[in-house]
Amino acid sequence: MKVEIVEFYEEERDDSKQFLRGSLHVFLPELNIDIRGCSVSKKKNWWHITLPFRKGFDQEKAEFVRYPVFSFLDRAKNEEFIREVRREGRLYVEEKMKIEAGKVK
C-alpha cells in the first residue's frame, strides 16, 4: 500500500531531552484519501505513531475506549496501512528534523 506523508506539524520539541511531539498529514494516492491528525511522539529512540481516534465510553464494558476515525474493514489491509504510516512517518520526521537542524542541505 502506497502511503505518502504530506507534512509533519511540530507541537512540542525539547532537543536536550530528545523529545518531540506533533501530528502527521497522510495521503493515500491509490484511494485519493487525505488523513490528518496522526499523532507522533518521540522520546530518545522510542517512537509512538497512532492514527486519529475519538474517545468514547463503552456502556457494556463500563470503560473509556478509543474509536478509530479511519480504518479498513479488511484487517490485514488495515494492519498494512498502520505499518506503512509508522514506517514512512518516522522516516519523514527524522529527515525533516535533520534539515531543520541544518544537518542536511
N, C-alpha and C. Protein backbone atom coordinates (compact mmCIF):
# COMPACT_ATOMS: atom_id res chain seq x y z
N MET A 1 0.85 -1.18 0.00
CA MET A 1 0.00 0.00 0.00
C MET A 1 0.89 1.24 0.00
N LYS A 2 0.61 2.15 -0.90
CA LYS A 2 1.40 3.38 -1.01
C LYS A 2 0.84 4.43 -0.05
N VAL A 3 1.72 4.90 0.82
CA VAL A 3 1.38 5.95 1.78
C VAL A 3 2.35 7.09 1.59
N GLU A 4 1.83 8.30 1.44
CA GLU A 4 2.68 9.47 1.30
C GLU A 4 2.48 10.37 2.52
N ILE A 5 3.57 10.83 3.09
CA ILE A 5 3.48 11.78 4.19
C ILE A 5 3.56 13.17 3.57
N VAL A 6 2.53 13.96 3.77
CA VAL A 6 2.47 15.30 3.19
C VAL A 6 3.22 16.29 4.06
N GLU A 7 3.01 16.20 5.39
CA GLU A 7 3.64 17.17 6.28
C GLU A 7 3.64 16.65 7.72
N PHE A 8 4.59 17.13 8.49
CA PHE A 8 4.64 16.89 9.93
C PHE A 8 4.48 18.24 10.61
N TYR A 9 3.54 18.34 11.52
CA TYR A 9 3.27 19.58 12.24
C TYR A 9 3.80 19.42 13.67
N GLU A 10 4.88 20.09 13.96
CA GLU A 10 5.52 20.01 15.27
C GLU A 10 4.70 20.79 16.29
N GLU A 11 4.43 20.17 17.44
CA GLU A 11 3.69 20.83 18.51
C GLU A 11 4.60 21.17 19.69
N GLU A 12 5.52 20.25 19.99
CA GLU A 12 6.40 20.45 21.13
C GLU A 12 7.72 19.74 20.83
N ARG A 13 8.82 20.39 21.25
CA ARG A 13 10.13 19.81 20.98
C ARG A 13 11.12 20.26 22.05
N ASP A 14 11.90 19.32 22.55
CA ASP A 14 12.97 19.61 23.51
C ASP A 14 14.17 18.76 23.12
N ASP A 15 15.11 19.36 22.40
CA ASP A 15 16.27 18.62 21.90
C ASP A 15 17.15 18.11 23.03
N SER A 16 17.22 18.84 24.15
CA SER A 16 18.07 18.40 25.26
C SER A 16 17.56 17.10 25.87
N LYS A 17 16.24 16.88 25.82
CA LYS A 17 15.64 15.64 26.34
C LYS A 17 15.33 14.64 25.23
N GLN A 18 15.67 15.00 23.99
CA GLN A 18 15.37 14.18 22.81
C GLN A 18 13.87 13.86 22.75
N PHE A 19 13.07 14.89 22.94
CA PHE A 19 11.61 14.75 22.97
C PHE A 19 11.00 15.52 21.81
N LEU A 20 9.99 14.91 21.17
CA LEU A 20 9.30 15.54 20.06
C LEU A 20 7.85 15.07 20.05
N ARG A 21 6.94 16.00 19.78
CA ARG A 21 5.52 15.65 19.67
C ARG A 21 4.90 16.49 18.56
N GLY A 22 3.98 15.85 17.81
CA GLY A 22 3.31 16.56 16.73
C GLY A 22 2.30 15.67 16.04
N SER A 23 1.94 16.05 14.81
CA SER A 23 0.97 15.25 14.06
C SER A 23 1.36 15.20 12.59
N LEU A 24 0.88 14.15 11.92
CA LEU A 24 1.17 13.91 10.51
C LEU A 24 -0.06 14.15 9.65
N HIS A 25 0.20 14.60 8.44
CA HIS A 25 -0.80 14.69 7.38
C HIS A 25 -0.41 13.61 6.38
N VAL A 26 -1.30 12.62 6.19
CA VAL A 26 -1.03 11.43 5.36
C VAL A 26 -1.95 11.43 4.15
N PHE A 27 -1.41 10.98 3.01
CA PHE A 27 -2.21 10.87 1.78
C PHE A 27 -2.07 9.46 1.22
N LEU A 28 -3.20 8.86 0.84
CA LEU A 28 -3.22 7.55 0.19
C LEU A 28 -3.55 7.78 -1.28
N PRO A 29 -2.53 7.84 -2.16
CA PRO A 29 -2.75 8.21 -3.56
C PRO A 29 -3.62 7.22 -4.34
N GLU A 30 -3.52 5.94 -4.03
CA GLU A 30 -4.30 4.94 -4.77
C GLU A 30 -5.81 5.10 -4.53
N LEU A 31 -6.16 5.64 -3.36
CA LEU A 31 -7.57 5.80 -2.99
C LEU A 31 -8.01 7.26 -2.97
N ASN A 32 -7.07 8.17 -3.19
CA ASN A 32 -7.32 9.60 -3.16
C ASN A 32 -7.93 10.02 -1.81
N ILE A 33 -7.30 9.55 -0.72
CA ILE A 33 -7.78 9.82 0.64
C ILE A 33 -6.73 10.64 1.37
N ASP A 34 -7.19 11.68 2.05
CA ASP A 34 -6.37 12.59 2.81
C ASP A 34 -6.70 12.39 4.30
N ILE A 35 -5.69 12.10 5.13
CA ILE A 35 -5.92 11.86 6.56
C ILE A 35 -5.02 12.79 7.35
N ARG A 36 -5.61 13.49 8.30
CA ARG A 36 -4.85 14.40 9.15
C ARG A 36 -5.03 14.00 10.61
N GLY A 37 -4.08 14.39 11.43
CA GLY A 37 -4.21 14.15 12.86
C GLY A 37 -3.62 12.85 13.35
N CYS A 38 -2.67 12.27 12.61
CA CYS A 38 -1.96 11.09 13.11
C CYS A 38 -0.96 11.59 14.15
N SER A 39 -1.11 11.13 15.37
CA SER A 39 -0.30 11.59 16.49
C SER A 39 1.10 10.99 16.45
N VAL A 40 2.12 11.83 16.72
CA VAL A 40 3.51 11.38 16.75
C VAL A 40 4.14 11.81 18.08
N SER A 41 4.76 10.86 18.77
CA SER A 41 5.53 11.15 19.98
C SER A 41 6.86 10.44 19.88
N LYS A 42 7.92 11.13 20.27
CA LYS A 42 9.26 10.54 20.25
C LYS A 42 9.97 10.94 21.53
N LYS A 43 10.54 9.96 22.19
CA LYS A 43 11.36 10.20 23.38
C LYS A 43 12.61 9.34 23.22
N LYS A 44 13.74 9.99 23.00
CA LYS A 44 15.01 9.32 22.70
C LYS A 44 14.82 8.43 21.48
N ASN A 45 14.99 7.12 21.58
CA ASN A 45 14.83 6.22 20.43
C ASN A 45 13.46 5.57 20.35
N TRP A 46 12.55 5.94 21.24
CA TRP A 46 11.22 5.35 21.27
C TRP A 46 10.25 6.22 20.48
N TRP A 47 9.56 5.61 19.53
CA TRP A 47 8.59 6.31 18.69
C TRP A 47 7.21 5.73 18.93
N HIS A 48 6.19 6.60 18.91
CA HIS A 48 4.81 6.16 19.02
C HIS A 48 3.99 6.97 18.02
N ILE A 49 3.44 6.29 17.02
CA ILE A 49 2.63 6.94 15.99
C ILE A 49 1.27 6.25 15.97
N THR A 50 0.21 7.03 16.14
CA THR A 50 -1.14 6.47 16.13
C THR A 50 -2.00 7.19 15.11
N LEU A 51 -3.01 6.49 14.64
CA LEU A 51 -3.97 7.08 13.71
C LEU A 51 -4.98 7.91 14.49
N PRO A 52 -5.69 8.81 13.82
CA PRO A 52 -6.68 9.64 14.51
C PRO A 52 -7.78 8.78 15.15
N PHE A 53 -8.23 9.20 16.31
CA PHE A 53 -9.28 8.46 17.01
C PHE A 53 -10.13 9.43 17.82
N ARG A 54 -11.27 8.94 18.26
CA ARG A 54 -12.17 9.68 19.15
C ARG A 54 -12.31 8.86 20.42
N LYS A 55 -12.39 9.53 21.53
CA LYS A 55 -12.61 8.83 22.79
C LYS A 55 -14.10 8.72 23.05
N GLY A 56 -14.48 7.62 23.64
CA GLY A 56 -15.88 7.40 23.98
C GLY A 56 -15.99 6.50 25.19
N PHE A 57 -17.20 6.30 25.65
CA PHE A 57 -17.43 5.45 26.81
C PHE A 57 -18.24 4.24 26.36
N ASP A 58 -17.71 3.05 26.59
CA ASP A 58 -18.40 1.80 26.25
C ASP A 58 -19.27 1.41 27.44
N GLN A 59 -20.59 1.47 27.24
CA GLN A 59 -21.54 1.18 28.32
C GLN A 59 -21.44 -0.26 28.79
N GLU A 60 -21.26 -1.20 27.86
CA GLU A 60 -21.20 -2.62 28.22
C GLU A 60 -19.95 -2.94 29.04
N LYS A 61 -18.82 -2.39 28.66
CA LYS A 61 -17.57 -2.65 29.37
C LYS A 61 -17.36 -1.70 30.55
N ALA A 62 -18.14 -0.64 30.58
CA ALA A 62 -18.04 0.40 31.61
C ALA A 62 -16.63 0.98 31.69
N GLU A 63 -16.08 1.31 30.50
CA GLU A 63 -14.75 1.91 30.45
C GLU A 63 -14.63 2.81 29.23
N PHE A 64 -13.65 3.70 29.29
CA PHE A 64 -13.39 4.57 28.16
C PHE A 64 -12.62 3.81 27.09
N VAL A 65 -12.97 4.05 25.83
CA VAL A 65 -12.34 3.36 24.70
C VAL A 65 -11.99 4.39 23.63
N ARG A 66 -11.12 3.95 22.70
CA ARG A 66 -10.75 4.79 21.56
C ARG A 66 -11.38 4.20 20.31
N TYR A 67 -12.11 5.03 19.56
CA TYR A 67 -12.72 4.60 18.31
C TYR A 67 -11.94 5.22 17.16
N PRO A 68 -11.46 4.39 16.21
CA PRO A 68 -10.69 4.95 15.09
C PRO A 68 -11.58 5.82 14.20
N VAL A 69 -10.98 6.90 13.71
CA VAL A 69 -11.68 7.79 12.78
C VAL A 69 -11.69 7.17 11.38
N PHE A 70 -10.64 6.41 11.09
CA PHE A 70 -10.49 5.80 9.76
C PHE A 70 -9.90 4.41 9.92
N SER A 71 -10.48 3.42 9.22
CA SER A 71 -9.88 2.08 9.20
C SER A 71 -10.43 1.32 8.00
N PHE A 72 -9.67 0.31 7.57
CA PHE A 72 -10.12 -0.58 6.51
C PHE A 72 -10.88 -1.75 7.15
N LEU A 73 -11.91 -2.22 6.49
CA LEU A 73 -12.66 -3.36 7.02
C LEU A 73 -11.82 -4.63 6.98
N ASP A 74 -10.98 -4.75 5.97
CA ASP A 74 -10.07 -5.89 5.85
C ASP A 74 -8.94 -5.71 6.87
N ARG A 75 -8.90 -6.57 7.87
CA ARG A 75 -7.94 -6.44 8.98
C ARG A 75 -6.49 -6.43 8.50
N ALA A 76 -6.15 -7.30 7.54
CA ALA A 76 -4.78 -7.36 7.02
C ALA A 76 -4.41 -6.05 6.33
N LYS A 77 -5.35 -5.49 5.57
CA LYS A 77 -5.09 -4.23 4.88
C LYS A 77 -4.93 -3.09 5.89
N ASN A 78 -5.73 -3.12 6.95
CA ASN A 78 -5.64 -2.10 7.97
C ASN A 78 -4.29 -2.17 8.70
N GLU A 79 -3.83 -3.37 9.01
CA GLU A 79 -2.53 -3.54 9.66
C GLU A 79 -1.40 -3.08 8.76
N GLU A 80 -1.51 -3.37 7.46
CA GLU A 80 -0.51 -2.92 6.50
C GLU A 80 -0.48 -1.38 6.44
N PHE A 81 -1.66 -0.78 6.43
CA PHE A 81 -1.78 0.68 6.42
C PHE A 81 -1.09 1.29 7.64
N ILE A 82 -1.39 0.77 8.82
CA ILE A 82 -0.78 1.29 10.05
C ILE A 82 0.73 1.13 10.03
N ARG A 83 1.20 -0.04 9.59
CA ARG A 83 2.63 -0.30 9.49
C ARG A 83 3.33 0.70 8.57
N GLU A 84 2.71 0.97 7.41
CA GLU A 84 3.30 1.91 6.45
C GLU A 84 3.29 3.35 6.97
N VAL A 85 2.22 3.75 7.64
CA VAL A 85 2.18 5.11 8.21
C VAL A 85 3.29 5.26 9.24
N ARG A 86 3.47 4.25 10.07
CA ARG A 86 4.52 4.32 11.10
C ARG A 86 5.92 4.35 10.46
N ARG A 87 6.14 3.52 9.46
CA ARG A 87 7.45 3.47 8.81
C ARG A 87 7.74 4.77 8.07
N GLU A 88 6.82 5.16 7.19
CA GLU A 88 7.01 6.37 6.39
C GLU A 88 7.01 7.63 7.25
N GLY A 89 6.16 7.64 8.27
CA GLY A 89 6.08 8.80 9.16
C GLY A 89 7.38 9.03 9.90
N ARG A 90 7.94 7.96 10.43
CA ARG A 90 9.21 8.09 11.16
C ARG A 90 10.32 8.57 10.24
N LEU A 91 10.42 7.98 9.04
CA LEU A 91 11.45 8.40 8.08
C LEU A 91 11.29 9.88 7.73
N TYR A 92 10.04 10.30 7.48
CA TYR A 92 9.77 11.69 7.10
C TYR A 92 10.16 12.65 8.21
N VAL A 93 9.75 12.34 9.44
CA VAL A 93 10.04 13.23 10.57
C VAL A 93 11.54 13.29 10.83
N GLU A 94 12.21 12.15 10.80
CA GLU A 94 13.66 12.15 11.02
C GLU A 94 14.37 13.01 9.98
N GLU A 95 13.98 12.88 8.71
CA GLU A 95 14.60 13.67 7.65
C GLU A 95 14.29 15.15 7.81
N LYS A 96 13.06 15.47 8.15
CA LYS A 96 12.67 16.87 8.33
C LYS A 96 13.43 17.51 9.49
N MET A 97 13.60 16.78 10.58
CA MET A 97 14.31 17.32 11.73
C MET A 97 15.80 17.54 11.40
N LYS A 98 16.39 16.67 10.57
CA LYS A 98 17.79 16.86 10.14
C LYS A 98 17.91 18.14 9.32
N ILE A 99 16.98 18.34 8.41
CA ILE A 99 17.00 19.51 7.54
C ILE A 99 16.86 20.78 8.38
N GLU A 100 15.90 20.78 9.32
CA GLU A 100 15.68 21.95 10.16
C GLU A 100 16.86 22.24 11.07
N ALA A 101 17.56 21.20 11.47
CA ALA A 101 18.72 21.39 12.34
C ALA A 101 19.96 21.82 11.56
N GLY A 102 19.84 21.87 10.23
CA GLY A 102 20.95 22.28 9.39
C GLY A 102 21.96 21.17 9.13
N LYS A 103 21.59 19.94 9.43
CA LYS A 103 22.49 18.81 9.24
C LYS A 103 22.51 18.34 7.80
N VAL A 104 21.44 18.61 7.06
CA VAL A 104 21.34 18.19 5.66
C VAL A 104 20.97 19.42 4.84
N LYS A 105 21.61 19.57 3.69
CA LYS A 105 21.29 20.71 2.84
C LYS A 105 20.48 20.29 1.65
